[in-house]
Amino acid sequence: MTLGALMRHQAPGWSTAVQATLHCLTGCAIGEVLGMVIGTALGWGNLATTVLAIILAFFFGYSLTLRGVLKAGMGFRAALRVALAADTLSIAVMELIDNGVIALWPDAMDAELVDLLFWASLAISLAVAFVVTVPVNKWMIGRGKGHAVVHQHHAH
């Protein structure tokens, strides 16, 4: 048995879950930051800005996964199904926690782009979301779901 095959047959560890969550965090952070910056710069209200940030977080999260599985040779429809299956729960949990922390943080929703509070609350909320989402991804990967599906396609 090759080392790669052996690794695929072992129970997933925390490092795999951390790696999957970092991947999710990257897409979410790009979307969150972009959405918050656009909404805040345009003077949009909190609800519109938050909705834009969430939409962009899902868009960039799915896009990063799509890029990888398309590069592995999968067709677009199949790759889209893999991305949706792999990332939806992870992104949803990350967005729920991230936006929940910001909503509960005093004055964070009213901070401007030039305020340290804007950037500090966003960074800390993403860090909290990461910590909460790692066990979710470990649970999914351990059941052959989430990024376990993506890694199967990268291996072929």
N, C-alpha and C. Protein backbone atom coordinates (compact mmCIF):
# COMPACT_ATOMS: atom_id res chain seq x y z
N MET A 1 0.86 -1.18 0.00
CA MET A 1 0.00 0.00 0.00
C MET A 1 0.90 1.23 0.00
N THR A 2 0.56 2.20 -0.85
CA THR A 2 1.36 3.43 -0.90
C THR A 2 1.07 4.29 0.32
N LEU A 3 1.95 5.23 0.57
CA LEU A 3 1.77 6.14 1.70
C LEU A 3 0.49 6.94 1.55
N GLY A 4 0.20 7.42 0.34
CA GLY A 4 -1.03 8.19 0.10
C GLY A 4 -2.27 7.36 0.38
N ALA A 5 -2.26 6.09 -0.07
CA ALA A 5 -3.41 5.22 0.18
C ALA A 5 -3.56 4.93 1.67
N LEU A 6 -2.45 4.73 2.34
CA LEU A 6 -2.48 4.50 3.78
C LEU A 6 -3.06 5.71 4.51
N MET A 7 -2.65 6.91 4.12
CA MET A 7 -3.14 8.13 4.77
C MET A 7 -4.64 8.31 4.53
N ARG A 8 -5.13 7.92 3.34
CA ARG A 8 -6.57 8.06 3.06
C ARG A 8 -7.39 7.09 3.89
N HIS A 9 -6.82 5.97 4.31
CA HIS A 9 -7.56 4.97 5.07
C HIS A 9 -7.49 5.19 6.58
N GLN A 10 -6.63 6.07 7.04
CA GLN A 10 -6.54 6.35 8.47
C GLN A 10 -7.67 7.28 8.89
N ALA A 11 -8.03 7.18 10.16
CA ALA A 11 -9.02 8.10 10.70
C ALA A 11 -8.47 9.52 10.63
N PRO A 12 -9.30 10.46 10.24
CA PRO A 12 -8.82 11.83 10.11
C PRO A 12 -8.43 12.41 11.46
N GLY A 13 -7.38 13.17 11.47
CA GLY A 13 -6.92 13.81 12.70
C GLY A 13 -7.29 15.26 12.72
N TRP A 14 -6.89 15.88 13.81
CA TRP A 14 -7.17 17.30 13.97
C TRP A 14 -6.45 18.13 12.92
N SER A 15 -5.27 17.69 12.48
CA SER A 15 -4.53 18.49 11.49
C SER A 15 -5.29 18.58 10.17
N THR A 16 -5.98 17.52 9.79
CA THR A 16 -6.79 17.55 8.57
C THR A 16 -7.95 18.52 8.73
N ALA A 17 -8.57 18.49 9.91
CA ALA A 17 -9.69 19.41 10.17
C ALA A 17 -9.22 20.86 10.20
N VAL A 18 -8.05 21.08 10.78
CA VAL A 18 -7.50 22.44 10.82
C VAL A 18 -7.21 22.92 9.40
N GLN A 19 -6.63 22.05 8.58
CA GLN A 19 -6.33 22.41 7.19
C GLN A 19 -7.61 22.74 6.42
N ALA A 20 -8.65 21.93 6.60
CA ALA A 20 -9.93 22.18 5.92
C ALA A 20 -10.55 23.49 6.40
N THR A 21 -10.43 23.76 7.70
CA THR A 21 -11.01 24.98 8.26
C THR A 21 -10.23 26.21 7.81
N LEU A 22 -8.92 26.07 7.69
CA LEU A 22 -8.12 27.19 7.16
C LEU A 22 -8.54 27.52 5.73
N HIS A 23 -8.83 26.48 4.95
CA HIS A 23 -9.31 26.68 3.59
C HIS A 23 -10.63 27.43 3.61
N CYS A 24 -11.53 26.99 4.48
CA CYS A 24 -12.83 27.66 4.63
C CYS A 24 -12.66 29.09 5.11
N LEU A 25 -11.78 29.28 6.09
CA LEU A 25 -11.53 30.60 6.65
C LEU A 25 -11.02 31.57 5.59
N THR A 26 -10.19 31.08 4.70
CA THR A 26 -9.64 31.94 3.65
C THR A 26 -10.76 32.51 2.78
N GLY A 27 -11.63 31.65 2.29
CA GLY A 27 -12.74 32.12 1.46
C GLY A 27 -13.69 33.02 2.23
N CYS A 28 -14.00 32.62 3.47
CA CYS A 28 -14.90 33.43 4.30
C CYS A 28 -14.29 34.80 4.60
N ALA A 29 -13.01 34.81 4.93
CA ALA A 29 -12.36 36.08 5.26
C ALA A 29 -12.32 37.01 4.06
N ILE A 30 -12.01 36.48 2.89
CA ILE A 30 -12.00 37.32 1.69
C ILE A 30 -13.39 37.93 1.49
N GLY A 31 -14.41 37.10 1.54
CA GLY A 31 -15.77 37.59 1.34
C GLY A 31 -16.24 38.54 2.43
N GLU A 32 -15.95 38.18 3.68
CA GLU A 32 -16.35 39.04 4.81
C GLU A 32 -15.69 40.41 4.73
N VAL A 33 -14.39 40.41 4.56
CA VAL A 33 -13.67 41.69 4.51
C VAL A 33 -14.16 42.52 3.32
N LEU A 34 -14.24 41.91 2.16
CA LEU A 34 -14.69 42.63 0.97
C LEU A 34 -16.10 43.17 1.17
N GLY A 35 -17.00 42.33 1.67
CA GLY A 35 -18.38 42.77 1.89
C GLY A 35 -18.48 43.89 2.90
N MET A 36 -17.74 43.76 4.02
CA MET A 36 -17.77 44.81 5.05
C MET A 36 -17.16 46.11 4.53
N VAL A 37 -16.08 45.99 3.78
CA VAL A 37 -15.44 47.19 3.23
C VAL A 37 -16.36 47.87 2.22
N ILE A 38 -16.95 47.10 1.32
CA ILE A 38 -17.84 47.69 0.30
C ILE A 38 -19.05 48.33 0.97
N GLY A 39 -19.72 47.58 1.84
CA GLY A 39 -20.92 48.10 2.49
C GLY A 39 -20.64 49.32 3.35
N THR A 40 -19.54 49.28 4.10
CA THR A 40 -19.19 50.41 4.96
C THR A 40 -18.79 51.62 4.13
N ALA A 41 -17.97 51.39 3.10
CA ALA A 41 -17.53 52.51 2.24
C ALA A 41 -18.70 53.17 1.52
N LEU A 42 -19.71 52.39 1.17
CA LEU A 42 -20.88 52.94 0.47
C LEU A 42 -21.92 53.50 1.43
N GLY A 43 -21.66 53.38 2.72
CA GLY A 43 -22.58 53.92 3.71
C GLY A 43 -23.85 53.11 3.88
N TRP A 44 -23.79 51.83 3.50
CA TRP A 44 -24.95 50.97 3.65
C TRP A 44 -25.22 50.72 5.13
N GLY A 45 -26.43 50.33 5.43
CA GLY A 45 -26.80 49.96 6.78
C GLY A 45 -26.19 48.62 7.17
N ASN A 46 -26.31 48.30 8.44
CA ASN A 46 -25.72 47.07 8.96
C ASN A 46 -26.28 45.81 8.31
N LEU A 47 -27.59 45.77 8.11
CA LEU A 47 -28.20 44.57 7.53
C LEU A 47 -27.71 44.33 6.10
N ALA A 48 -27.76 45.36 5.27
CA ALA A 48 -27.32 45.21 3.87
C ALA A 48 -25.84 44.84 3.79
N THR A 49 -25.03 45.46 4.62
CA THR A 49 -23.59 45.16 4.63
C THR A 49 -23.34 43.73 5.07
N THR A 50 -24.04 43.30 6.10
CA THR A 50 -23.87 41.93 6.59
C THR A 50 -24.32 40.91 5.56
N VAL A 51 -25.45 41.15 4.92
CA VAL A 51 -25.93 40.24 3.88
C VAL A 51 -24.92 40.13 2.74
N LEU A 52 -24.40 41.27 2.29
CA LEU A 52 -23.38 41.26 1.23
C LEU A 52 -22.15 40.47 1.67
N ALA A 53 -21.70 40.69 2.89
CA ALA A 53 -20.51 39.98 3.40
C ALA A 53 -20.75 38.48 3.44
N ILE A 54 -21.93 38.06 3.85
CA ILE A 54 -22.24 36.63 3.91
C ILE A 54 -22.30 36.03 2.51
N ILE A 55 -22.95 36.72 1.60
CA ILE A 55 -23.03 36.23 0.21
C ILE A 55 -21.63 36.08 -0.37
N LEU A 56 -20.79 37.09 -0.18
CA LEU A 56 -19.43 37.02 -0.71
C LEU A 56 -18.59 35.96 -0.01
N ALA A 57 -18.83 35.72 1.28
CA ALA A 57 -18.11 34.67 1.98
C ALA A 57 -18.43 33.30 1.37
N PHE A 58 -19.70 33.04 1.12
CA PHE A 58 -20.08 31.78 0.47
C PHE A 58 -19.49 31.71 -0.94
N PHE A 59 -19.59 32.81 -1.68
CA PHE A 59 -19.07 32.83 -3.05
C PHE A 59 -17.57 32.49 -3.09
N PHE A 60 -16.79 33.17 -2.26
CA PHE A 60 -15.34 32.93 -2.29
C PHE A 60 -14.99 31.57 -1.67
N GLY A 61 -15.72 31.15 -0.66
CA GLY A 61 -15.49 29.82 -0.09
C GLY A 61 -15.71 28.72 -1.12
N TYR A 62 -16.84 28.78 -1.81
CA TYR A 62 -17.12 27.80 -2.86
C TYR A 62 -16.12 27.93 -4.02
N SER A 63 -15.76 29.15 -4.37
CA SER A 63 -14.84 29.37 -5.50
C SER A 63 -13.48 28.72 -5.27
N LEU A 64 -12.97 28.82 -4.05
CA LEU A 64 -11.67 28.20 -3.77
C LEU A 64 -11.73 26.68 -3.92
N THR A 65 -12.81 26.08 -3.47
CA THR A 65 -12.96 24.63 -3.63
C THR A 65 -13.16 24.27 -5.10
N LEU A 66 -13.99 25.03 -5.79
CA LEU A 66 -14.20 24.80 -7.22
C LEU A 66 -12.90 24.84 -7.99
N ARG A 67 -12.09 25.83 -7.69
CA ARG A 67 -10.81 25.96 -8.38
C ARG A 67 -9.98 24.69 -8.24
N GLY A 68 -9.92 24.15 -7.04
CA GLY A 68 -9.12 22.95 -6.80
C GLY A 68 -9.65 21.72 -7.50
N VAL A 69 -10.96 21.49 -7.43
CA VAL A 69 -11.49 20.26 -8.05
C VAL A 69 -11.57 20.39 -9.56
N LEU A 70 -11.77 21.59 -10.07
CA LEU A 70 -11.71 21.78 -11.53
C LEU A 70 -10.29 21.53 -12.04
N LYS A 71 -9.32 21.99 -11.28
CA LYS A 71 -7.92 21.77 -11.65
C LYS A 71 -7.57 20.29 -11.65
N ALA A 72 -8.25 19.51 -10.79
CA ALA A 72 -8.02 18.06 -10.73
C ALA A 72 -8.68 17.33 -11.89
N GLY A 73 -9.42 18.07 -12.76
CA GLY A 73 -9.99 17.47 -13.95
C GLY A 73 -11.47 17.18 -13.91
N MET A 74 -12.15 17.59 -12.88
CA MET A 74 -13.58 17.33 -12.75
C MET A 74 -14.36 18.35 -13.58
N GLY A 75 -15.49 17.92 -14.13
CA GLY A 75 -16.36 18.81 -14.87
C GLY A 75 -17.02 19.82 -13.94
N PHE A 76 -17.54 20.92 -14.51
CA PHE A 76 -18.06 22.01 -13.68
C PHE A 76 -19.24 21.58 -12.82
N ARG A 77 -20.21 20.90 -13.38
CA ARG A 77 -21.40 20.51 -12.59
C ARG A 77 -21.02 19.60 -11.43
N ALA A 78 -20.18 18.62 -11.70
CA ALA A 78 -19.74 17.71 -10.64
C ALA A 78 -18.91 18.46 -9.61
N ALA A 79 -18.06 19.37 -10.07
CA ALA A 79 -17.24 20.16 -9.16
C ALA A 79 -18.11 21.05 -8.28
N LEU A 80 -19.15 21.62 -8.85
CA LEU A 80 -20.06 22.46 -8.09
C LEU A 80 -20.76 21.65 -7.00
N ARG A 81 -21.20 20.43 -7.36
CA ARG A 81 -21.84 19.56 -6.35
C ARG A 81 -20.86 19.22 -5.23
N VAL A 82 -19.60 18.96 -5.56
CA VAL A 82 -18.59 18.66 -4.55
C VAL A 82 -18.38 19.88 -3.65
N ALA A 83 -18.27 21.06 -4.25
CA ALA A 83 -18.05 22.28 -3.46
C ALA A 83 -19.22 22.55 -2.53
N LEU A 84 -20.44 22.39 -3.03
CA LEU A 84 -21.62 22.60 -2.18
C LEU A 84 -21.66 21.61 -1.03
N ALA A 85 -21.37 20.35 -1.33
CA ALA A 85 -21.38 19.31 -0.29
C ALA A 85 -20.24 19.51 0.70
N ALA A 86 -19.10 19.93 0.21
CA ALA A 86 -17.91 20.04 1.07
C ALA A 86 -17.95 21.26 1.96
N ASP A 87 -18.50 22.35 1.48
CA ASP A 87 -18.31 23.63 2.17
C ASP A 87 -19.53 24.24 2.83
N THR A 88 -20.72 23.82 2.48
CA THR A 88 -21.91 24.52 2.95
C THR A 88 -22.00 24.57 4.48
N LEU A 89 -21.90 23.45 5.15
CA LEU A 89 -22.02 23.45 6.61
C LEU A 89 -20.87 24.23 7.25
N SER A 90 -19.67 24.02 6.75
CA SER A 90 -18.50 24.70 7.30
C SER A 90 -18.62 26.22 7.17
N ILE A 91 -18.99 26.69 6.00
CA ILE A 91 -19.14 28.13 5.79
C ILE A 91 -20.30 28.67 6.62
N ALA A 92 -21.39 27.93 6.68
CA ALA A 92 -22.55 28.38 7.44
C ALA A 92 -22.21 28.55 8.92
N VAL A 93 -21.51 27.58 9.48
CA VAL A 93 -21.11 27.68 10.89
C VAL A 93 -20.16 28.86 11.07
N MET A 94 -19.20 28.97 10.18
CA MET A 94 -18.23 30.06 10.30
C MET A 94 -18.93 31.42 10.21
N GLU A 95 -19.87 31.56 9.30
CA GLU A 95 -20.58 32.83 9.14
C GLU A 95 -21.49 33.12 10.33
N LEU A 96 -22.15 32.10 10.84
CA LEU A 96 -23.02 32.28 12.01
C LEU A 96 -22.21 32.79 13.20
N ILE A 97 -21.08 32.16 13.46
CA ILE A 97 -20.25 32.55 14.60
C ILE A 97 -19.62 33.92 14.36
N ASP A 98 -19.03 34.10 13.18
CA ASP A 98 -18.37 35.36 12.86
C ASP A 98 -19.33 36.54 12.99
N ASN A 99 -20.47 36.45 12.34
CA ASN A 99 -21.42 37.56 12.38
C ASN A 99 -22.08 37.69 13.74
N GLY A 100 -22.25 36.59 14.44
CA GLY A 100 -22.79 36.65 15.80
C GLY A 100 -21.87 37.40 16.74
N VAL A 101 -20.56 37.13 16.64
CA VAL A 101 -19.60 37.83 17.49
C VAL A 101 -19.62 39.33 17.20
N ILE A 102 -19.62 39.67 15.93
CA ILE A 102 -19.62 41.09 15.56
C ILE A 102 -20.93 41.76 16.02
N ALA A 103 -22.05 41.07 15.85
CA ALA A 103 -23.34 41.65 16.25
C ALA A 103 -23.41 41.88 17.77
N LEU A 104 -22.78 40.99 18.53
CA LEU A 104 -22.82 41.10 19.99
C LEU A 104 -21.74 42.01 20.56
N TRP A 105 -20.71 42.30 19.78
CA TRP A 105 -19.60 43.14 20.24
C TRP A 105 -20.08 44.59 20.32
N PRO A 106 -19.99 45.21 21.49
CA PRO A 106 -20.46 46.60 21.62
C PRO A 106 -19.79 47.53 20.60
N ASP A 107 -20.60 48.24 19.87
CA ASP A 107 -20.19 49.27 18.90
C ASP A 107 -19.50 48.73 17.64
N ALA A 108 -19.29 47.43 17.52
CA ALA A 108 -18.60 46.90 16.33
C ALA A 108 -19.40 47.14 15.06
N MET A 109 -20.71 47.04 15.14
CA MET A 109 -21.53 47.22 13.95
C MET A 109 -21.53 48.67 13.47
N ASP A 110 -21.14 49.59 14.32
CA ASP A 110 -21.13 51.00 13.94
C ASP A 110 -19.73 51.52 13.64
N ALA A 111 -18.73 50.66 13.71
CA ALA A 111 -17.35 51.08 13.47
C ALA A 111 -17.15 51.40 11.99
N GLU A 112 -16.29 52.34 11.72
CA GLU A 112 -15.94 52.74 10.36
C GLU A 112 -14.64 52.05 9.93
N LEU A 113 -14.36 52.09 8.64
CA LEU A 113 -13.15 51.44 8.11
C LEU A 113 -11.86 51.95 8.75
N VAL A 114 -11.85 53.19 9.18
CA VAL A 114 -10.64 53.78 9.77
C VAL A 114 -10.50 53.48 11.26
N ASP A 115 -11.50 52.84 11.84
CA ASP A 115 -11.49 52.54 13.28
C ASP A 115 -10.78 51.22 13.55
N LEU A 116 -9.95 51.21 14.57
CA LEU A 116 -9.30 49.97 15.00
C LEU A 116 -10.35 48.93 15.39
N LEU A 117 -11.45 49.37 15.98
CA LEU A 117 -12.53 48.46 16.39
C LEU A 117 -13.08 47.67 15.21
N PHE A 118 -13.20 48.31 14.04
CA PHE A 118 -13.69 47.62 12.85
C PHE A 118 -12.81 46.40 12.55
N TRP A 119 -11.51 46.64 12.45
CA TRP A 119 -10.58 45.58 12.05
C TRP A 119 -10.34 44.57 13.18
N ALA A 120 -10.26 45.05 14.41
CA ALA A 120 -10.03 44.14 15.55
C ALA A 120 -11.22 43.21 15.75
N SER A 121 -12.44 43.75 15.70
CA SER A 121 -13.61 42.91 15.90
C SER A 121 -13.77 41.91 14.75
N LEU A 122 -13.45 42.33 13.54
CA LEU A 122 -13.53 41.42 12.40
C LEU A 122 -12.49 40.30 12.52
N ALA A 123 -11.27 40.64 12.88
CA ALA A 123 -10.21 39.63 13.02
C ALA A 123 -10.52 38.66 14.16
N ILE A 124 -10.96 39.18 15.28
CA ILE A 124 -11.25 38.32 16.43
C ILE A 124 -12.48 37.45 16.15
N SER A 125 -13.48 38.01 15.48
CA SER A 125 -14.67 37.21 15.17
C SER A 125 -14.33 36.07 14.22
N LEU A 126 -13.43 36.30 13.27
CA LEU A 126 -13.00 35.22 12.37
C LEU A 126 -12.18 34.17 13.12
N ALA A 127 -11.37 34.61 14.07
CA ALA A 127 -10.59 33.65 14.88
C ALA A 127 -11.51 32.79 15.73
N VAL A 128 -12.52 33.38 16.34
CA VAL A 128 -13.48 32.61 17.14
C VAL A 128 -14.23 31.63 16.23
N ALA A 129 -14.64 32.10 15.06
CA ALA A 129 -15.35 31.23 14.11
C ALA A 129 -14.47 30.06 13.69
N PHE A 130 -13.19 30.30 13.50
CA PHE A 130 -12.25 29.24 13.14
C PHE A 130 -12.22 28.16 14.23
N VAL A 131 -12.07 28.60 15.47
CA VAL A 131 -11.98 27.65 16.60
C VAL A 131 -13.26 26.81 16.71
N VAL A 132 -14.40 27.43 16.50
CA VAL A 132 -15.67 26.70 16.59
C VAL A 132 -15.86 25.76 15.40
N THR A 133 -15.36 26.13 14.24
CA THR A 133 -15.60 25.36 13.02
C THR A 133 -14.66 24.16 12.88
N VAL A 134 -13.49 24.19 13.49
CA VAL A 134 -12.57 23.04 13.38
C VAL A 134 -13.23 21.73 13.82
N PRO A 135 -13.88 21.66 14.99
CA PRO A 135 -14.52 20.39 15.37
C PRO A 135 -15.66 19.98 14.42
N VAL A 136 -16.35 20.94 13.85
CA VAL A 136 -17.40 20.64 12.87
C VAL A 136 -16.78 19.94 11.66
N ASN A 137 -15.67 20.49 11.17
CA ASN A 137 -15.00 19.88 10.02
C ASN A 137 -14.42 18.52 10.38
N LYS A 138 -13.88 18.36 11.57
CA LYS A 138 -13.36 17.05 11.99
C LYS A 138 -14.48 16.03 12.00
N TRP A 139 -15.62 16.40 12.52
CA TRP A 139 -16.77 15.51 12.57
C TRP A 139 -17.20 15.11 11.15
N MET A 140 -17.28 16.10 10.24
CA MET A 140 -17.70 15.82 8.86
C MET A 140 -16.68 14.95 8.14
N ILE A 141 -15.41 15.27 8.27
CA ILE A 141 -14.36 14.50 7.59
C ILE A 141 -14.35 13.07 8.11
N GLY A 142 -14.55 12.90 9.40
CA GLY A 142 -14.58 11.57 9.99
C GLY A 142 -15.71 10.71 9.47
N ARG A 143 -16.72 11.32 8.91
CA ARG A 143 -17.85 10.60 8.33
C ARG A 143 -17.80 10.57 6.80
N GLY A 144 -16.64 10.94 6.24
CA GLY A 144 -16.48 10.92 4.80
C GLY A 144 -17.19 12.06 4.09
N LYS A 145 -17.52 13.11 4.83
CA LYS A 145 -18.22 14.26 4.26
C LYS A 145 -17.28 15.47 4.25
N GLY A 146 -17.80 16.61 3.82
CA GLY A 146 -17.02 17.84 3.84
C GLY A 146 -15.78 17.73 2.98
N HIS A 147 -14.67 18.18 3.53
CA HIS A 147 -13.44 18.21 2.75
C HIS A 147 -12.85 16.82 2.50
N ALA A 148 -13.38 15.79 3.15
CA ALA A 148 -12.95 14.43 2.82
C ALA A 148 -13.31 14.13 1.37
N VAL A 149 -14.44 14.64 0.91
CA VAL A 149 -14.88 14.45 -0.47
C VAL A 149 -13.93 15.19 -1.42
N VAL A 150 -13.56 16.41 -1.05
CA VAL A 150 -12.64 17.19 -1.88
C VAL A 150 -11.30 16.48 -2.01
N HIS A 151 -10.78 15.98 -0.88
CA HIS A 151 -9.47 15.31 -0.88
C HIS A 151 -9.50 14.03 -1.70
N GLN A 152 -10.65 13.34 -1.76
CA GLN A 152 -10.77 12.16 -2.61
C GLN A 152 -10.56 12.53 -4.07
N HIS A 153 -11.08 13.68 -4.46
CA HIS A 153 -10.96 14.10 -5.86
C HIS A 153 -9.57 14.64 -6.18
N HIS A 154 -8.91 15.21 -5.19
CA HIS A 154 -7.54 15.67 -5.40
C HIS A 154 -6.60 14.48 -5.55
N ALA A 155 -6.95 13.35 -4.94
CA ALA A 155 -6.07 12.18 -4.96
C ALA A 155 -6.11 11.45 -6.29
N HIS A 156 -7.19 11.68 -7.07
CA HIS A 156 -7.33 10.95 -8.33
C HIS A 156 -6.79 11.69 -9.50
